[in-house]
N, C-alpha and C. Protein backbone atom coordinates (compact mmCIF):
# COMPACT_ATOMS: atom_id res chain seq x y z
N MET A 1 11.42 -32.97 -3.27
CA MET A 1 10.00 -32.48 -3.73
C MET A 1 9.44 -32.83 -2.48
N ALA A 2 9.45 -33.62 -1.60
CA ALA A 2 8.69 -34.10 -0.55
C ALA A 2 8.83 -33.47 0.46
N ALA A 3 10.48 -33.03 0.46
CA ALA A 3 10.69 -32.15 1.59
C ALA A 3 10.39 -30.93 1.74
N LEU A 4 10.52 -30.09 0.28
CA LEU A 4 9.99 -29.09 0.12
C LEU A 4 8.61 -28.56 0.60
N ARG A 5 7.59 -29.76 0.04
CA ARG A 5 6.52 -29.85 0.53
C ARG A 5 6.15 -29.62 1.89
N SER A 6 6.98 -30.61 2.53
CA SER A 6 6.89 -30.75 4.12
C SER A 6 7.17 -29.52 4.58
N ALA A 7 8.58 -28.87 4.27
CA ALA A 7 8.73 -27.52 4.84
C ALA A 7 7.36 -26.69 4.51
N ARG A 8 6.90 -26.24 3.41
CA ARG A 8 5.81 -25.62 3.15
C ARG A 8 4.76 -25.65 4.41
N GLU A 9 4.19 -26.84 4.24
CA GLU A 9 3.16 -27.39 5.40
C GLU A 9 3.57 -27.03 6.68
N LYS A 10 4.82 -27.06 7.09
CA LYS A 10 5.20 -26.66 8.32
C LYS A 10 5.29 -24.94 8.42
N ASN A 11 5.92 -24.39 7.47
CA ASN A 11 5.59 -22.81 7.53
C ASN A 11 4.15 -22.67 7.66
N SER A 12 3.05 -23.42 6.93
CA SER A 12 1.83 -23.05 6.89
C SER A 12 1.01 -23.05 8.35
N GLN A 13 1.60 -24.28 9.06
CA GLN A 13 1.14 -24.38 10.59
C GLN A 13 1.50 -23.09 11.49
N SER A 14 2.59 -22.57 11.25
CA SER A 14 3.24 -21.32 12.14
C SER A 14 2.51 -20.20 11.71
N THR A 15 1.08 -19.90 11.35
CA THR A 15 0.63 -19.05 11.07
C THR A 15 -0.26 -18.41 12.18
N ASN A 16 -0.15 -19.03 13.26
CA ASN A 16 -1.36 -18.98 14.35
C ASN A 16 -2.94 -18.92 13.95
N GLY A 17 -3.10 -19.90 12.92
CA GLY A 17 -4.64 -19.95 12.56
C GLY A 17 -4.91 -18.66 11.74
N ASP A 18 -4.31 -17.79 11.50
CA ASP A 18 -4.73 -16.69 10.68
C ASP A 18 -5.35 -16.63 9.36
N GLU A 19 -6.53 -16.63 9.03
CA GLU A 19 -7.36 -16.91 7.99
C GLU A 19 -6.99 -16.30 6.81
N ARG A 20 -6.26 -15.38 6.99
CA ARG A 20 -5.56 -14.83 5.72
C ARG A 20 -4.46 -15.31 5.20
N TYR A 21 -3.53 -16.32 6.32
CA TYR A 21 -2.52 -16.74 5.67
C TYR A 21 -3.01 -18.30 5.04
N LYS A 22 -4.26 -18.48 5.49
CA LYS A 22 -4.77 -20.05 4.52
C LYS A 22 -4.90 -19.41 3.28
N ASN A 23 -5.57 -18.15 3.15
CA ASN A 23 -5.84 -17.63 1.65
C ASN A 23 -4.58 -17.57 0.63
N ILE A 24 -3.47 -17.05 1.36
CA ILE A 24 -2.23 -16.87 0.84
C ILE A 24 -1.89 -18.37 0.28
N ASP A 25 -2.11 -19.33 1.17
CA ASP A 25 -1.38 -20.70 0.73
C ASP A 25 -2.53 -21.30 -0.39
N ARG A 26 -3.73 -20.78 -0.30
CA ARG A 26 -4.59 -21.22 -1.33
C ARG A 26 -4.00 -20.54 -2.76
N GLU A 27 -3.59 -19.08 -2.87
CA GLU A 27 -3.24 -18.88 -3.83
C GLU A 27 -2.00 -19.20 -4.01
N LEU A 28 -0.75 -19.76 -3.38
CA LEU A 28 0.31 -20.06 -3.57
C LEU A 28 0.34 -21.53 -4.69
N ARG A 29 -0.82 -22.56 -3.98
CA ARG A 29 -1.10 -23.45 -4.63
C ARG A 29 -1.62 -23.65 -5.85
N ARG A 30 -2.48 -22.65 -5.91
CA ARG A 30 -3.08 -22.30 -7.45
C ARG A 30 -2.15 -21.64 -8.35
N LEU A 31 -1.03 -20.93 -7.90
CA LEU A 31 0.00 -20.60 -8.98
C LEU A 31 1.30 -21.63 -8.99
N ARG A 32 0.92 -22.89 -8.13
CA ARG A 32 1.84 -24.06 -7.93
C ARG A 32 3.52 -23.51 -7.77
N TYR A 33 3.35 -22.65 -6.60
CA TYR A 33 4.61 -22.17 -5.87
C TYR A 33 6.02 -21.70 -6.96
N GLU A 34 5.14 -21.19 -8.01
CA GLU A 34 6.05 -20.55 -8.88
C GLU A 34 6.78 -19.45 -8.62
N LYS A 35 8.05 -19.60 -8.74
CA LYS A 35 9.12 -18.19 -8.10
C LYS A 35 8.51 -17.15 -8.86
N ASP A 36 8.36 -16.91 -9.96
CA ASP A 36 7.84 -15.96 -11.12
C ASP A 36 6.36 -15.39 -10.94
N ALA A 37 5.50 -15.96 -9.81
CA ALA A 37 4.36 -15.74 -9.49
C ALA A 37 4.42 -14.86 -8.23
N LEU A 38 5.71 -14.25 -7.85
CA LEU A 38 6.15 -13.51 -6.30
C LEU A 38 5.18 -12.09 -6.66
N LEU A 39 5.19 -11.37 -7.73
CA LEU A 39 4.70 -10.20 -7.93
C LEU A 39 2.91 -10.38 -7.64
N GLU A 40 2.12 -11.47 -8.01
CA GLU A 40 0.92 -11.75 -7.84
C GLU A 40 0.83 -12.23 -6.67
N VAL A 41 1.49 -13.04 -5.98
CA VAL A 41 1.22 -13.21 -4.36
C VAL A 41 1.43 -12.12 -3.73
N LEU A 42 2.37 -11.04 -4.03
CA LEU A 42 2.22 -10.15 -3.24
C LEU A 42 1.36 -9.23 -3.28
N ASN A 43 0.75 -9.09 -4.58
CA ASN A 43 -0.52 -8.13 -4.82
C ASN A 43 -1.56 -8.86 -3.83
N SER A 44 -1.77 -10.11 -3.83
CA SER A 44 -2.95 -11.00 -3.06
C SER A 44 -2.74 -10.64 -1.80
N ALA A 45 -1.53 -10.67 -1.13
CA ALA A 45 -1.28 -10.30 0.19
C ALA A 45 -1.78 -8.80 0.47
N GLN A 46 -1.25 -8.08 -0.34
CA GLN A 46 -1.50 -6.74 0.37
C GLN A 46 -3.11 -6.76 0.17
N GLU A 47 -3.82 -7.18 -0.74
CA GLU A 47 -5.50 -7.14 -0.54
C GLU A 47 -5.56 -7.68 0.52
N LEU A 48 -5.09 -8.88 0.85
CA LEU A 48 -5.81 -9.64 1.98
C LEU A 48 -5.48 -8.62 3.44
N PHE A 49 -4.14 -8.14 3.63
CA PHE A 49 -3.48 -8.10 5.13
C PHE A 49 -3.84 -6.06 4.90
N GLY A 50 -3.86 -5.31 3.64
CA GLY A 50 -3.93 -4.29 3.61
C GLY A 50 -2.68 -3.42 3.45
N TYR A 51 -1.48 -4.53 3.91
CA TYR A 51 -0.10 -3.82 3.63
C TYR A 51 0.70 -5.36 4.09
N LEU A 52 1.83 -5.08 3.68
CA LEU A 52 2.89 -6.07 3.94
C LEU A 52 3.53 -6.00 5.07
N PRO A 53 3.49 -6.82 6.28
CA PRO A 53 4.16 -6.92 7.16
C PRO A 53 5.51 -7.72 6.93
N GLU A 54 6.42 -7.54 7.85
CA GLU A 54 7.69 -8.15 7.50
C GLU A 54 7.58 -9.83 7.64
N GLU A 55 6.81 -10.06 8.71
CA GLU A 55 6.65 -11.51 8.89
C GLU A 55 5.65 -11.90 7.86
N LEU A 56 4.90 -11.23 6.97
CA LEU A 56 4.38 -11.81 5.78
C LEU A 56 5.46 -11.74 4.80
N LEU A 57 6.24 -11.05 4.64
CA LEU A 57 7.17 -11.19 3.47
C LEU A 57 7.99 -12.52 3.60
N SER A 58 8.35 -12.60 4.85
CA SER A 58 9.29 -13.61 5.22
C SER A 58 8.60 -14.91 5.16
N TYR A 59 7.27 -14.98 5.48
CA TYR A 59 6.22 -16.32 4.92
C TYR A 59 6.18 -16.43 3.53
N ILE A 60 6.11 -15.39 2.85
CA ILE A 60 6.22 -15.65 1.26
C ILE A 60 7.47 -16.00 0.78
N SER A 61 8.50 -15.47 1.12
CA SER A 61 10.08 -16.12 1.08
C SER A 61 10.19 -17.50 1.29
N ARG A 62 9.63 -18.08 2.60
CA ARG A 62 9.82 -19.61 2.73
C ARG A 62 8.94 -19.87 1.58
N GLN A 63 7.58 -19.98 1.54
CA GLN A 63 6.72 -20.62 0.63
C GLN A 63 7.16 -20.69 -0.68
N LEU A 64 7.66 -19.55 -0.99
CA LEU A 64 8.13 -19.66 -2.49
C LEU A 64 9.85 -20.03 -2.71
N ASN A 65 10.50 -20.36 -1.54
CA ASN A 65 11.99 -20.59 -1.81
C ASN A 65 12.53 -19.89 -2.56
N VAL A 66 12.23 -18.49 -2.15
CA VAL A 66 13.08 -17.65 -2.87
C VAL A 66 14.08 -16.63 -1.48
N PRO A 67 14.98 -15.95 -1.76
CA PRO A 67 15.98 -15.04 -0.48
C PRO A 67 14.62 -13.67 -0.49
N LEU A 68 14.59 -13.53 1.08
CA LEU A 68 13.69 -12.74 1.32
C LEU A 68 14.44 -11.44 0.58
N SER A 69 15.70 -10.96 0.39
CA SER A 69 16.29 -10.10 -0.21
C SER A 69 15.48 -9.58 -1.48
N ARG A 70 15.00 -10.51 -2.29
CA ARG A 70 14.36 -10.83 -3.54
C ARG A 70 12.93 -10.51 -3.26
N VAL A 71 11.94 -10.95 -2.44
CA VAL A 71 10.82 -10.50 -2.17
C VAL A 71 10.65 -9.10 -1.71
N TYR A 72 11.58 -8.91 -0.62
CA TYR A 72 11.81 -7.22 -0.21
C TYR A 72 12.05 -6.26 -1.24
N GLY A 73 12.94 -6.45 -2.25
CA GLY A 73 13.14 -5.73 -3.62
C GLY A 73 12.00 -5.62 -4.61
N VAL A 74 11.37 -6.76 -4.48
CA VAL A 74 10.30 -6.57 -5.67
C VAL A 74 9.16 -5.82 -4.92
N ALA A 75 8.90 -5.99 -3.75
CA ALA A 75 7.94 -5.53 -2.65
C ALA A 75 8.25 -3.65 -2.82
N THR A 76 9.45 -3.32 -2.39
CA THR A 76 10.14 -1.85 -2.41
C THR A 76 10.07 -1.48 -3.62
N PHE A 77 10.19 -2.24 -5.00
CA PHE A 77 10.06 -1.46 -6.21
C PHE A 77 8.89 -0.84 -6.59
N TYR A 78 7.69 -1.50 -6.43
CA TYR A 78 6.43 -0.84 -6.85
C TYR A 78 5.82 -0.19 -5.81
N HIS A 79 4.99 1.11 -6.27
CA HIS A 79 4.43 2.13 -4.90
C HIS A 79 2.90 1.68 -4.38
N MET A 80 2.57 0.48 -4.95
CA MET A 80 1.41 -0.15 -4.86
C MET A 80 1.42 -0.44 -3.48
N PHE A 81 3.01 -1.31 -3.01
CA PHE A 81 3.06 -2.02 -1.74
C PHE A 81 3.40 -1.13 -0.58
N THR A 82 2.47 -1.25 0.52
CA THR A 82 3.03 -0.69 1.71
C THR A 82 3.63 -1.77 2.76
N PHE A 83 4.11 -1.07 3.71
CA PHE A 83 4.70 -1.81 4.85
C PHE A 83 4.32 -1.44 6.09
N GLU A 84 3.61 -0.41 6.11
CA GLU A 84 2.79 -0.12 7.41
C GLU A 84 0.91 0.14 6.88
N PRO A 85 0.21 -0.40 7.90
CA PRO A 85 -1.33 -0.17 7.66
C PRO A 85 -1.62 1.27 7.19
N LEU A 86 -2.20 1.57 6.16
CA LEU A 86 -2.70 2.67 5.54
C LEU A 86 -3.93 3.46 6.19
N GLY A 87 -4.08 4.56 6.01
CA GLY A 87 -5.52 5.10 6.52
C GLY A 87 -6.62 4.91 6.13
N GLU A 88 -7.71 5.10 6.45
CA GLU A 88 -9.20 4.92 5.70
C GLU A 88 -8.94 5.35 4.35
N HIS A 89 -8.48 6.63 3.99
CA HIS A 89 -8.19 7.71 3.10
C HIS A 89 -6.71 7.46 2.64
N THR A 90 -6.36 7.38 1.13
CA THR A 90 -5.01 7.62 1.04
C THR A 90 -4.92 8.74 -0.21
N CYS A 91 -3.85 9.47 -0.28
CA CYS A 91 -3.39 10.10 -1.29
C CYS A 91 -1.82 9.88 -1.72
N ILE A 92 -1.58 9.70 -2.76
CA ILE A 92 -0.30 9.24 -3.21
C ILE A 92 -0.18 10.24 -4.26
N ILE A 93 1.13 10.95 -4.01
CA ILE A 93 1.61 11.95 -4.80
C ILE A 93 2.86 11.54 -5.49
N CYS A 94 2.61 11.84 -6.90
CA CYS A 94 3.90 11.40 -7.76
C CYS A 94 5.42 12.50 -7.58
N THR A 95 6.30 12.21 -7.49
CA THR A 95 7.62 12.63 -7.54
C THR A 95 8.31 12.38 -8.69
N GLY A 96 7.81 11.97 -9.86
CA GLY A 96 8.40 11.52 -11.10
C GLY A 96 8.92 12.92 -11.68
N THR A 97 9.59 12.77 -12.64
CA THR A 97 10.59 13.79 -13.27
C THR A 97 9.44 15.24 -13.58
N ALA A 98 8.31 14.84 -14.37
CA ALA A 98 7.41 15.25 -15.17
C ALA A 98 6.47 16.38 -13.90
N CYS A 99 6.37 15.45 -12.74
CA CYS A 99 5.58 15.92 -11.52
C CYS A 99 6.37 16.94 -10.80
N HIS A 100 7.57 16.51 -10.57
CA HIS A 100 8.75 17.14 -9.98
C HIS A 100 8.77 18.87 -10.45
N VAL A 101 8.84 18.75 -11.77
CA VAL A 101 9.10 19.94 -12.42
C VAL A 101 7.98 20.95 -12.41
N LYS A 102 6.90 20.26 -12.11
CA LYS A 102 5.53 20.91 -11.90
C LYS A 102 5.10 21.07 -10.40
N ASP A 103 6.14 20.95 -9.87
CA ASP A 103 5.91 21.27 -8.18
C ASP A 103 5.40 20.47 -7.51
N SER A 104 5.30 19.18 -7.65
CA SER A 104 4.53 18.35 -6.57
C SER A 104 5.10 18.13 -5.37
N GLU A 105 6.52 18.68 -5.36
CA GLU A 105 6.99 18.85 -3.88
C GLU A 105 6.18 19.53 -3.06
N ARG A 106 5.69 20.97 -3.45
CA ARG A 106 4.84 21.87 -2.90
C ARG A 106 3.49 21.09 -2.47
N ILE A 107 3.03 20.17 -3.02
CA ILE A 107 1.58 19.57 -2.63
C ILE A 107 2.00 18.60 -1.56
N ILE A 108 3.24 18.01 -1.48
CA ILE A 108 3.75 17.05 -0.65
C ILE A 108 3.75 17.93 0.76
N GLU A 109 4.47 18.99 0.76
CA GLU A 109 4.71 19.89 1.89
C GLU A 109 3.23 20.50 2.34
N ALA A 110 2.30 21.04 1.41
CA ALA A 110 1.07 21.48 2.03
C ALA A 110 0.09 20.51 2.60
N ILE A 111 0.38 19.19 1.88
CA ILE A 111 -0.47 18.18 2.64
C ILE A 111 0.39 17.72 3.99
N SER A 112 1.39 17.74 4.07
CA SER A 112 2.13 17.33 4.98
C SER A 112 2.01 18.33 6.35
N LYS A 113 2.01 19.79 6.00
CA LYS A 113 1.79 20.67 7.03
C LYS A 113 0.30 20.62 7.50
N THR A 114 -0.71 20.57 6.49
CA THR A 114 -1.92 21.00 7.07
C THR A 114 -2.68 19.65 7.73
N PHE A 115 -1.73 18.47 7.51
CA PHE A 115 -2.33 17.00 8.37
C PHE A 115 -1.32 16.69 9.38
N ASN A 116 -0.24 17.66 9.68
CA ASN A 116 0.71 17.27 10.69
C ASN A 116 1.45 15.88 10.36
N ILE A 117 1.59 15.31 9.13
CA ILE A 117 2.26 13.94 8.69
C ILE A 117 3.46 14.05 7.87
N PRO A 118 4.07 13.27 7.91
CA PRO A 118 5.30 13.18 6.67
C PRO A 118 4.72 12.40 5.63
N ALA A 119 5.43 12.63 4.51
CA ALA A 119 5.29 11.64 3.29
C ALA A 119 5.48 10.25 3.92
N GLY A 120 4.36 9.36 3.57
CA GLY A 120 4.56 7.87 4.52
C GLY A 120 4.03 8.02 5.88
N GLY A 121 3.39 8.60 6.18
CA GLY A 121 3.00 8.88 7.25
C GLY A 121 1.26 8.53 7.38
N THR A 122 0.56 8.38 8.73
CA THR A 122 -0.76 8.32 8.69
C THR A 122 -1.16 9.27 9.84
N THR A 123 -2.19 9.82 9.49
CA THR A 123 -2.77 10.75 10.85
C THR A 123 -2.97 9.72 12.10
N PRO A 124 -3.00 10.34 13.38
CA PRO A 124 -3.15 9.32 14.38
C PRO A 124 -4.59 8.48 14.60
N GLU A 125 -5.49 8.99 14.09
CA GLU A 125 -6.82 8.30 14.16
C GLU A 125 -7.08 7.60 13.03
N GLY A 126 -6.15 7.37 12.03
CA GLY A 126 -6.16 6.26 10.93
C GLY A 126 -6.86 6.76 9.73
N LEU A 127 -7.21 8.02 10.07
CA LEU A 127 -8.04 8.47 8.47
C LEU A 127 -7.52 8.69 7.23
N PHE A 128 -6.30 8.98 7.35
CA PHE A 128 -5.77 9.48 6.04
C PHE A 128 -4.12 9.15 6.29
N SER A 129 -3.66 8.50 4.89
CA SER A 129 -2.31 8.43 5.04
C SER A 129 -1.85 9.12 3.72
N LEU A 130 -0.45 9.62 3.68
CA LEU A 130 0.23 10.32 2.54
C LEU A 130 1.19 9.34 2.25
N THR A 131 1.57 9.14 1.20
CA THR A 131 2.65 8.32 0.27
C THR A 131 2.97 9.30 -1.05
N THR A 132 4.06 8.91 -1.11
CA THR A 132 4.73 9.07 -2.54
C THR A 132 5.14 7.89 -3.75
N ALA A 133 5.24 8.47 -4.71
CA ALA A 133 5.59 7.60 -5.75
C ALA A 133 6.63 7.72 -6.90
N ARG A 134 7.38 7.14 -7.12
CA ARG A 134 8.34 7.71 -8.21
C ARG A 134 7.57 8.00 -9.33
N CYS A 135 6.76 7.26 -10.13
CA CYS A 135 6.03 7.41 -11.13
C CYS A 135 4.81 6.67 -11.27
N LEU A 136 3.61 7.80 -11.51
CA LEU A 136 2.34 7.01 -11.53
C LEU A 136 1.98 7.10 -13.30
N GLY A 137 3.01 7.30 -13.95
CA GLY A 137 2.48 6.95 -15.47
C GLY A 137 1.39 8.05 -16.04
N SER A 138 1.34 8.74 -15.33
CA SER A 138 0.26 9.78 -16.10
C SER A 138 0.95 11.34 -16.30
N CYS A 139 2.29 11.26 -16.81
CA CYS A 139 2.95 12.25 -16.82
C CYS A 139 2.43 13.64 -17.59
N GLY A 140 1.72 13.44 -18.68
CA GLY A 140 0.97 14.90 -19.24
C GLY A 140 0.05 15.41 -18.44
N LEU A 141 -0.37 14.69 -17.36
CA LEU A 141 -1.35 15.21 -16.29
C LEU A 141 -0.64 16.22 -15.03
N ALA A 142 0.95 16.00 -15.42
CA ALA A 142 1.60 16.41 -14.18
C ALA A 142 1.01 17.79 -13.61
N PRO A 143 1.15 18.16 -12.29
CA PRO A 143 1.39 17.05 -11.20
C PRO A 143 0.32 16.33 -10.84
N VAL A 144 0.57 14.84 -10.81
CA VAL A 144 -0.51 13.97 -10.50
C VAL A 144 -0.69 13.55 -8.98
N VAL A 145 -2.03 13.19 -8.92
CA VAL A 145 -2.01 12.93 -7.24
C VAL A 145 -3.39 11.74 -7.22
N VAL A 146 -3.21 10.78 -6.54
CA VAL A 146 -4.16 9.62 -6.71
C VAL A 146 -4.80 9.69 -5.33
N LEU A 147 -6.08 10.27 -5.25
CA LEU A 147 -7.00 10.30 -4.06
C LEU A 147 -8.00 9.21 -3.68
N ASP A 148 -7.75 8.26 -3.07
CA ASP A 148 -8.84 6.88 -2.86
C ASP A 148 -8.53 6.38 -4.06
N GLY A 149 -7.77 6.28 -5.03
CA GLY A 149 -7.38 5.13 -6.14
C GLY A 149 -8.10 5.98 -7.32
N GLN A 150 -8.48 7.12 -6.96
CA GLN A 150 -9.07 8.15 -8.40
C GLN A 150 -7.75 9.10 -8.67
N VAL A 151 -7.15 8.69 -9.97
CA VAL A 151 -6.14 9.70 -10.64
C VAL A 151 -6.93 10.98 -10.93
N ARG A 152 -6.28 12.08 -10.35
CA ARG A 152 -6.54 13.49 -10.30
C ARG A 152 -5.26 14.05 -11.25
N GLY A 153 -5.18 14.84 -12.40
CA GLY A 153 -4.08 15.37 -12.78
C GLY A 153 -4.05 16.94 -12.65
N LYS A 154 -2.97 17.70 -12.97
CA LYS A 154 -3.09 19.07 -12.95
C LYS A 154 -3.21 19.77 -11.66
N GLU A 155 -2.95 19.01 -10.55
CA GLU A 155 -3.43 19.45 -9.34
C GLU A 155 -2.51 20.76 -8.56
N THR A 156 -3.00 21.26 -7.80
CA THR A 156 -2.30 22.37 -6.77
C THR A 156 -2.22 22.09 -5.45
N PRO A 157 -1.47 22.67 -4.50
CA PRO A 157 -1.21 22.22 -3.39
C PRO A 157 -2.79 22.74 -2.80
N GLU A 158 -3.50 23.69 -3.19
CA GLU A 158 -4.83 24.28 -2.64
C GLU A 158 -5.81 23.34 -2.97
N SER A 159 -5.91 22.80 -4.32
CA SER A 159 -6.72 21.80 -4.74
C SER A 159 -6.69 20.66 -3.90
N VAL A 160 -5.61 20.03 -3.77
CA VAL A 160 -5.64 18.68 -3.20
C VAL A 160 -5.86 18.84 -1.56
N THR A 161 -5.18 20.07 -0.96
CA THR A 161 -5.72 20.03 0.38
C THR A 161 -7.20 20.34 0.71
N LYS A 162 -7.91 21.24 -0.13
CA LYS A 162 -9.17 21.27 -0.11
C LYS A 162 -9.99 19.72 -0.15
N ARG A 163 -9.60 19.02 -1.22
CA ARG A 163 -10.40 17.97 -1.55
C ARG A 163 -9.99 16.75 -0.46
N VAL A 164 -8.86 16.88 0.15
CA VAL A 164 -8.45 15.96 1.05
C VAL A 164 -9.19 16.31 2.84
N GLN A 165 -9.45 17.55 2.82
CA GLN A 165 -10.18 18.03 4.00
C GLN A 165 -11.72 17.90 3.70
N GLU A 166 -12.10 17.94 2.77
CA GLU A 166 -13.51 17.27 2.61
C GLU A 166 -13.59 15.69 2.83
N ILE A 167 -12.63 14.89 2.27
CA ILE A 167 -12.65 13.78 2.61
C ILE A 167 -12.90 13.33 3.93
N ILE A 168 -11.79 13.92 4.67
CA ILE A 168 -11.82 13.58 6.22
C ILE A 168 -13.05 14.40 6.78
N ALA A 169 -13.39 15.31 6.55
CA ALA A 169 -14.58 15.95 7.57
C ALA A 169 -15.64 15.13 7.09
N PHE A 170 -16.11 14.52 5.68
CA PHE A 170 -17.16 13.38 5.61
C PHE A 170 -16.63 12.41 6.49
N SER A 171 -15.53 11.57 6.59
CA SER A 171 -15.60 10.76 7.11
C SER A 171 -15.62 10.89 8.58
N ARG A 172 -15.26 12.01 9.22
CA ARG A 172 -15.52 12.11 10.54
C ARG A 172 -17.09 12.44 11.05
N ASP A 173 -17.52 12.88 9.93
CA ASP A 173 -19.08 13.18 10.19
C ASP A 173 -19.64 11.64 10.16
N GLU A 174 -19.30 10.36 9.19
CA GLU A 174 -20.10 9.45 9.50
C GLU A 174 -19.57 8.62 10.63
N ARG A 175 -18.25 8.89 11.06
CA ARG A 175 -17.92 8.25 12.22
C ARG A 175 -18.96 8.58 13.41
N THR A 176 -19.16 9.93 13.96
CA THR A 176 -19.61 10.68 14.41
C THR A 176 -21.09 9.96 14.51
N GLU A 177 -21.63 10.07 13.38
CA GLU A 177 -23.09 9.63 13.18
C GLU A 177 -23.42 8.14 13.66
N GLY A 178 -22.45 7.12 13.37
CA GLY A 178 -22.42 5.65 14.06
C GLY A 178 -22.38 5.71 15.16
N HIS A 179 -21.76 6.67 16.41
CA HIS A 179 -21.62 6.53 17.32
C HIS A 179 -23.05 7.21 18.26
N ASP A 180 -23.77 7.97 17.40
CA ASP A 180 -25.02 8.66 18.03
C ASP A 180 -25.91 7.69 18.00
N GLU A 181 -26.09 6.83 17.32
CA GLU A 181 -27.22 5.59 17.38
C GLU A 181 -27.18 4.84 18.53
């Protein structure tokens, strides 16, 4: 047990003083380094970092003493985890069976074409990210889209494109106003 504690302390020191890692360490201690707490640790890490970079997944793997493949497997299973920084605004389009049957693919194509980004991509200025999820659990509302955390059902390519354009225009206006002062 002492050797494991020593290894964890050594791992903690290799984070270049990043305060976010100290917060992860506090969370790990609170959860008593339980391997079954992996999902909760990943949630905390995503909140702190905004995404799950590879070095963070490796760190969590070492701290919990679980294989990196398990950490990666859990992280890739859930749609809420991302491995690249997301834009200021996000759009998650469901690709589950009900949404697929109701043409969610057309929504993905419309957003991709309008904003010139693929699913999984972010606009160059970092304003908007488009992602997909296997199922968002709101099948009765198909096709389902989550815009900035708000679930929207029975969407069309036109309705989603219009709403995203409004959100981005508002953000650009706010950025411009901030530079005028």
